[in-house]
Amino acid sequence: MAESFQPDRLAADKAGRYRDLAAEIAAVLEGEPDLTARMATVSSMLRAAFEHFYWVGFYVVDRMRTDELVVGPYQGTLGCLRIAFSRGVCGAAARERRTVVVEDVDAFPGHIACDSRSRSEIVVPVLGPDGALLAVLDVDAETAGAFDAVDAEGLETILRATFAH
């Protein structure tokens, strides 16, 4: 008898995968103080852990223009070099300091198409120990609806543990 589709089980499996990955990232980064090294490692490990994560990377708050993000460490195709807080999904997450999940990038007003293959996106703000915005983590997928609340919670947990201490 074939097993029936069980979305709750799939969500639980994904949540477990994020828990395991959080522990792996913490172990790899233990004692590493450099933010660039931390961002590069997180990007690499996330991309390797989730097959549908097509582009994974950080946009860092520009030190000279605090209302603009500049591309940081990432895994994937060429990314946008700069994104103003007033534009796109990354800008919205930075401006509002909240996770933004976009099921269909074509339906998001002002979406910036750095790569036309992107169909869905999740962007999570990265806060430092003092609560200041350091960057945003941007993850894109080539399929619509690729991200959900489980992804948001998993990524937020990893970023808090990695950057807010």
C-alpha atoms as a PDB file:
ATOM      1  CA  MET A   1       0.000   0.000   0.000  1.00  0.00           C
ATOM      2  CA  ALA A   2       1.436   3.365  -1.035  1.00  0.00           C
ATOM      3  CA  GLU A   3       1.993   6.015   1.604  1.00  0.00           C
ATOM      4  CA  SER A   4      -0.316   9.014   1.305  1.00  0.00           C
ATOM      5  CA  PHE A   5       0.991  12.576   1.004  1.00  0.00           C
ATOM      6  CA  GLN A   6       1.391  14.065   4.483  1.00  0.00           C
ATOM      7  CA  PRO A   7       2.339  17.765   4.477  1.00  0.00           C
ATOM      8  CA  ASP A   8       2.682  17.828   8.274  1.00  0.00           C
ATOM      9  CA  ARG A   9       5.309  15.090   8.096  1.00  0.00           C
ATOM     10  CA  LEU A  10       7.175  16.940   5.355  1.00  0.00           C
ATOM     11  CA  ALA A  11       7.172  20.104   7.476  1.00  0.00           C
ATOM     12  CA  ALA A  12       8.446  18.147  10.477  1.00  0.00           C
ATOM     13  CA  ASP A  13      11.219  16.624   8.335  1.00  0.00           C
ATOM     14  CA  LYS A  14      12.209  20.076   7.095  1.00  0.00           C
ATOM     15  CA  ALA A  15      12.164  21.516  10.621  1.00  0.00           C
ATOM     16  CA  GLY A  16      14.416  18.656  11.740  1.00  0.00           C
ATOM     17  CA  ARG A  17      16.746  19.325   8.853  1.00  0.00           C
ATOM     18  CA  TYR A  18      17.039  22.967   9.959  1.00  0.00           C
ATOM     19  CA  ARG A  19      17.747  21.878  13.564  1.00  0.00           C
ATOM     20  CA  ASP A  20      20.496  19.541  12.400  1.00  0.00           C
ATOM     21  CA  LEU A  21      21.959  22.195  10.123  1.00  0.00           C
ATOM     22  CA  ALA A  22      21.924  24.796  12.917  1.00  0.00           C
ATOM     23  CA  ALA A  23      24.005  22.459  15.067  1.00  0.00           C
ATOM     24  CA  GLU A  24      26.432  21.788  12.194  1.00  0.00           C
ATOM     25  CA  ILE A  25      26.846  25.504  11.466  1.00  0.00           C
ATOM     26  CA  ALA A  26      27.430  26.257  15.154  1.00  0.00           C
ATOM     27  CA  ALA A  27      30.109  23.558  15.336  1.00  0.00           C
ATOM     28  CA  VAL A  28      31.899  24.759  12.200  1.00  0.00           C
ATOM     29  CA  LEU A  29      31.827  28.412  13.265  1.00  0.00           C
ATOM     30  CA  GLU A  30      32.746  27.907  16.914  1.00  0.00           C
ATOM     31  CA  GLY A  31      35.355  30.501  17.830  1.00  0.00           C
ATOM     32  CA  GLU A  32      35.287  32.278  14.450  1.00  0.00           C
ATOM     33  CA  PRO A  33      34.783  36.029  15.013  1.00  0.00           C
ATOM     34  CA  ASP A  34      34.999  37.271  11.403  1.00  0.00           C
ATOM     35  CA  LEU A  35      31.596  38.227   9.946  1.00  0.00           C
ATOM     36  CA  THR A  36      32.623  37.602   6.340  1.00  0.00           C
ATOM     37  CA  ALA A  37      33.822  34.100   7.181  1.00  0.00           C
ATOM     38  CA  ARG A  38      30.596  33.442   9.083  1.00  0.00           C
ATOM     39  CA  MET A  39      28.436  34.671   6.181  1.00  0.00           C
ATOM     40  CA  ALA A  40      30.410  32.700   3.594  1.00  0.00           C
ATOM     41  CA  THR A  41      30.105  29.518   5.651  1.00  0.00           C
ATOM     42  CA  VAL A  42      26.366  29.935   6.267  1.00  0.00           C
ATOM     43  CA  SER A  43      25.752  30.576   2.545  1.00  0.00           C
ATOM     44  CA  SER A  44      27.711  27.512   1.538  1.00  0.00           C
ATOM     45  CA  MET A  45      26.146  25.190   4.095  1.00  0.00           C
ATOM     46  CA  LEU A  46      22.582  26.341   3.362  1.00  0.00           C
ATOM     47  CA  ARG A  47      23.048  25.927  -0.385  1.00  0.00           C
ATOM     48  CA  ALA A  48      24.432  22.422   0.111  1.00  0.00           C
ATOM     49  CA  ALA A  49      21.680  21.392   2.546  1.00  0.00           C
ATOM     50  CA  PHE A  50      18.646  22.305   0.460  1.00  0.00           C
ATOM     51  CA  GLU A  51      18.594  21.250  -3.178  1.00  0.00           C
ATOM     52  CA  HIS A  52      16.007  23.873  -4.175  1.00  0.00           C
ATOM     53  CA  PHE A  53      18.055  26.771  -2.715  1.00  0.00           C
ATOM     54  CA  TYR A  54      19.194  28.138  -6.060  1.00  0.00           C
ATOM     55  CA  TRP A  55      20.786  31.399  -4.793  1.00  0.00           C
ATOM     56  CA  VAL A  56      21.832  31.909  -1.169  1.00  0.00           C
ATOM     57  CA  GLY A  57      23.668  34.944   0.070  1.00  0.00           C
ATOM     58  CA  PHE A  58      23.973  38.051   2.126  1.00  0.00           C
ATOM     59  CA  TYR A  59      23.463  41.683   1.295  1.00  0.00           C
ATOM     60  CA  VAL A  60      25.342  43.752   3.866  1.00  0.00           C
ATOM     61  CA  VAL A  61      24.373  47.233   5.072  1.00  0.00           C
ATOM     62  CA  ASP A  62      26.778  49.655   3.391  1.00  0.00           C
ATOM     63  CA  ARG A  63      28.848  51.436   6.035  1.00  0.00           C
ATOM     64  CA  MET A  64      28.878  54.692   4.053  1.00  0.00           C
ATOM     65  CA  ARG A  65      25.243  54.642   2.876  1.00  0.00           C
ATOM     66  CA  THR A  66      23.190  53.107   5.668  1.00  0.00           C
ATOM     67  CA  ASP A  67      20.056  53.009   3.497  1.00  0.00           C
ATOM     68  CA  GLU A  68      21.629  50.646   0.973  1.00  0.00           C
ATOM     69  CA  LEU A  69      22.708  47.024   0.860  1.00  0.00           C
ATOM     70  CA  VAL A  70      25.813  45.808  -0.959  1.00  0.00           C
ATOM     71  CA  VAL A  71      26.340  42.208  -2.056  1.00  0.00           C
ATOM     72  CA  GLY A  72      28.275  40.078   0.400  1.00  0.00           C
ATOM     73  CA  PRO A  73      29.228  36.401   0.471  1.00  0.00           C
ATOM     74  CA  TYR A  74      26.919  34.236  -1.623  1.00  0.00           C
ATOM     75  CA  GLN A  75      26.519  30.969  -3.506  1.00  0.00           C
ATOM     76  CA  GLY A  76      24.866  31.033  -6.921  1.00  0.00           C
ATOM     77  CA  THR A  77      24.729  33.036 -10.108  1.00  0.00           C
ATOM     78  CA  LEU A  78      25.657  36.696 -10.332  1.00  0.00           C
ATOM     79  CA  GLY A  79      23.724  38.775  -7.793  1.00  0.00           C
ATOM     80  CA  CYS A  80      22.728  42.414  -7.793  1.00  0.00           C
ATOM     81  CA  LEU A  81      25.598  44.549  -6.532  1.00  0.00           C
ATOM     82  CA  ARG A  82      23.550  47.124  -4.596  1.00  0.00           C
ATOM     83  CA  ILE A  83      19.958  47.306  -3.384  1.00  0.00           C
ATOM     84  CA  ALA A  84      18.400  50.379  -1.812  1.00  0.00           C
ATOM     85  CA  PHE A  85      16.214  49.836   1.260  1.00  0.00           C
ATOM     86  CA  SER A  86      13.390  51.320  -0.830  1.00  0.00           C
ATOM     87  CA  ARG A  87      13.519  48.562  -3.487  1.00  0.00           C
ATOM     88  CA  GLY A  88      12.692  44.901  -3.807  1.00  0.00           C
ATOM     89  CA  VAL A  89      12.273  42.083  -1.329  1.00  0.00           C
ATOM     90  CA  CYS A  90      15.709  42.607   0.239  1.00  0.00           C
ATOM     91  CA  GLY A  91      15.003  46.304   0.714  1.00  0.00           C
ATOM     92  CA  ALA A  92      11.632  45.542   2.331  1.00  0.00           C
ATOM     93  CA  ALA A  93      13.180  43.045   4.779  1.00  0.00           C
ATOM     94  CA  ALA A  94      15.941  45.525   5.670  1.00  0.00           C
ATOM     95  CA  ARG A  95      13.588  48.488   5.998  1.00  0.00           C
ATOM     96  CA  GLU A  96      10.972  46.628   8.035  1.00  0.00           C
ATOM     97  CA  ARG A  97      13.426  44.344   9.874  1.00  0.00           C
ATOM     98  CA  ARG A  98      11.217  41.344   9.332  1.00  0.00           C
ATOM     99  CA  THR A  99      11.342  38.156   7.321  1.00  0.00           C
ATOM    100  CA  VAL A 100       9.632  38.429   3.943  1.00  0.00           C
ATOM    101  CA  VAL A 101       8.421  35.284   2.162  1.00  0.00           C
ATOM    102  CA  VAL A 102       7.429  35.747  -1.488  1.00  0.00           C
ATOM    103  CA  GLU A 103       5.653  32.832  -3.142  1.00  0.00           C
ATOM    104  CA  ASP A 104       5.730  34.429  -6.611  1.00  0.00           C
ATOM    105  CA  VAL A 105       8.302  37.138  -7.280  1.00  0.00           C
ATOM    106  CA  ASP A 106       6.274  38.447 -10.244  1.00  0.00           C
ATOM    107  CA  ALA A 107       3.473  39.351  -7.825  1.00  0.00           C
ATOM    108  CA  PHE A 108       5.747  41.337  -5.488  1.00  0.00           C
ATOM    109  CA  PRO A 109       5.574  45.071  -6.259  1.00  0.00           C
ATOM    110  CA  GLY A 110       9.027  46.395  -7.097  1.00  0.00           C
ATOM    111  CA  HIS A 111      10.721  42.994  -7.226  1.00  0.00           C
ATOM    112  CA  ILE A 112      14.275  43.293  -8.545  1.00  0.00           C
ATOM    113  CA  ALA A 113      15.100  40.531 -11.024  1.00  0.00           C
ATOM    114  CA  CYS A 114      18.822  39.964 -10.479  1.00  0.00           C
ATOM    115  CA  ASP A 115      18.323  36.610 -12.223  1.00  0.00           C
ATOM    116  CA  SER A 116      15.209  35.899 -14.281  1.00  0.00           C
ATOM    117  CA  ARG A 117      15.125  32.248 -13.153  1.00  0.00           C
ATOM    118  CA  SER A 118      14.107  33.209  -9.620  1.00  0.00           C
ATOM    119  CA  ARG A 119      10.429  32.336  -8.979  1.00  0.00           C
ATOM    120  CA  SER A 120      10.185  32.590  -5.169  1.00  0.00           C
ATOM    121  CA  GLU A 121      12.249  34.172  -2.432  1.00  0.00           C
ATOM    122  CA  ILE A 122      12.723  34.463   1.309  1.00  0.00           C
ATOM    123  CA  VAL A 123      14.718  37.286   2.882  1.00  0.00           C
ATOM    124  CA  VAL A 124      15.631  37.347   6.575  1.00  0.00           C
ATOM    125  CA  PRO A 125      17.172  40.321   8.408  1.00  0.00           C
ATOM    126  CA  VAL A 126      20.482  39.703  10.184  1.00  0.00           C
ATOM    127  CA  LEU A 127      20.785  41.562  13.478  1.00  0.00           C
ATOM    128  CA  GLY A 128      23.942  41.973  15.512  1.00  0.00           C
ATOM    129  CA  PRO A 129      24.291  41.572  19.289  1.00  0.00           C
ATOM    130  CA  ASP A 130      23.166  45.178  19.796  1.00  0.00           C
ATOM    131  CA  GLY A 131      20.093  44.692  17.587  1.00  0.00           C
ATOM    132  CA  ALA A 132      21.544  46.744  14.725  1.00  0.00           C
ATOM    133  CA  LEU A 133      20.819  45.563  11.189  1.00  0.00           C
ATOM    134  CA  LEU A 134      24.009  44.025   9.758  1.00  0.00           C
ATOM    135  CA  ALA A 135      22.669  42.440   6.577  1.00  0.00           C
ATOM    136  CA  VAL A 136      19.880  40.386   5.074  1.00  0.00           C
ATOM    137  CA  LEU A 137      20.031  36.755   4.030  1.00  0.00           C
ATOM    138  CA  ASP A 138      18.443  36.260   0.610  1.00  0.00           C
ATOM    139  CA  VAL A 139      17.436  32.798  -0.625  1.00  0.00           C
ATOM    140  CA  ASP A 140      15.899  32.252  -4.060  1.00  0.00           C
ATOM    141  CA  ALA A 141      14.326  29.202  -5.699  1.00  0.00           C
ATOM    142  CA  GLU A 142      13.482  28.445  -9.308  1.00  0.00           C
ATOM    143  CA  THR A 143       9.990  27.228  -8.350  1.00  0.00           C
ATOM    144  CA  ALA A 144       7.088  29.270  -7.043  1.00  0.00           C
ATOM    145  CA  GLY A 145       5.961  28.683  -3.457  1.00  0.00           C
ATOM    146  CA  ALA A 146       9.247  27.103  -2.390  1.00  0.00           C
ATOM    147  CA  PHE A 147       9.368  28.767   1.057  1.00  0.00           C
ATOM    148  CA  ASP A 148       7.047  28.751   4.041  1.00  0.00           C
ATOM    149  CA  ALA A 149       6.854  29.426   7.781  1.00  0.00           C
ATOM    150  CA  VAL A 150       9.102  26.430   8.527  1.00  0.00           C
ATOM    151  CA  ASP A 151      11.835  27.964   6.359  1.00  0.00           C
ATOM    152  CA  ALA A 152      11.340  31.343   8.017  1.00  0.00           C
ATOM    153  CA  GLU A 153      11.651  29.881  11.507  1.00  0.00           C
ATOM    154  CA  GLY A 154      14.618  27.683  10.589  1.00  0.00           C
ATOM    155  CA  LEU A 155      16.566  30.483   8.920  1.00  0.00           C
ATOM    156  CA  GLU A 156      15.743  32.995  11.681  1.00  0.00           C
ATOM    157  CA  THR A 157      17.000  30.523  14.298  1.00  0.00           C
ATOM    158  CA  ILE A 158      20.257  29.907  12.426  1.00  0.00           C
ATOM    159  CA  LEU A 159      20.885  33.628  11.932  1.00  0.00           C
ATOM    160  CA  ARG A 160      20.167  34.516  15.565  1.00  0.00           C
ATOM    161  CA  ALA A 161      22.576  31.851  16.758  1.00  0.00           C
ATOM    162  CA  THR A 162      25.224  32.844  14.221  1.00  0.00           C
ATOM    163  CA  PHE A 163      25.174  36.647  14.413  1.00  0.00           C
ATOM    164  CA  ALA A 164      23.295  37.915  17.488  1.00  0.00           C
ATOM    165  CA  HIS A 165      25.755  36.807  20.160  1.00  0.00           C
END
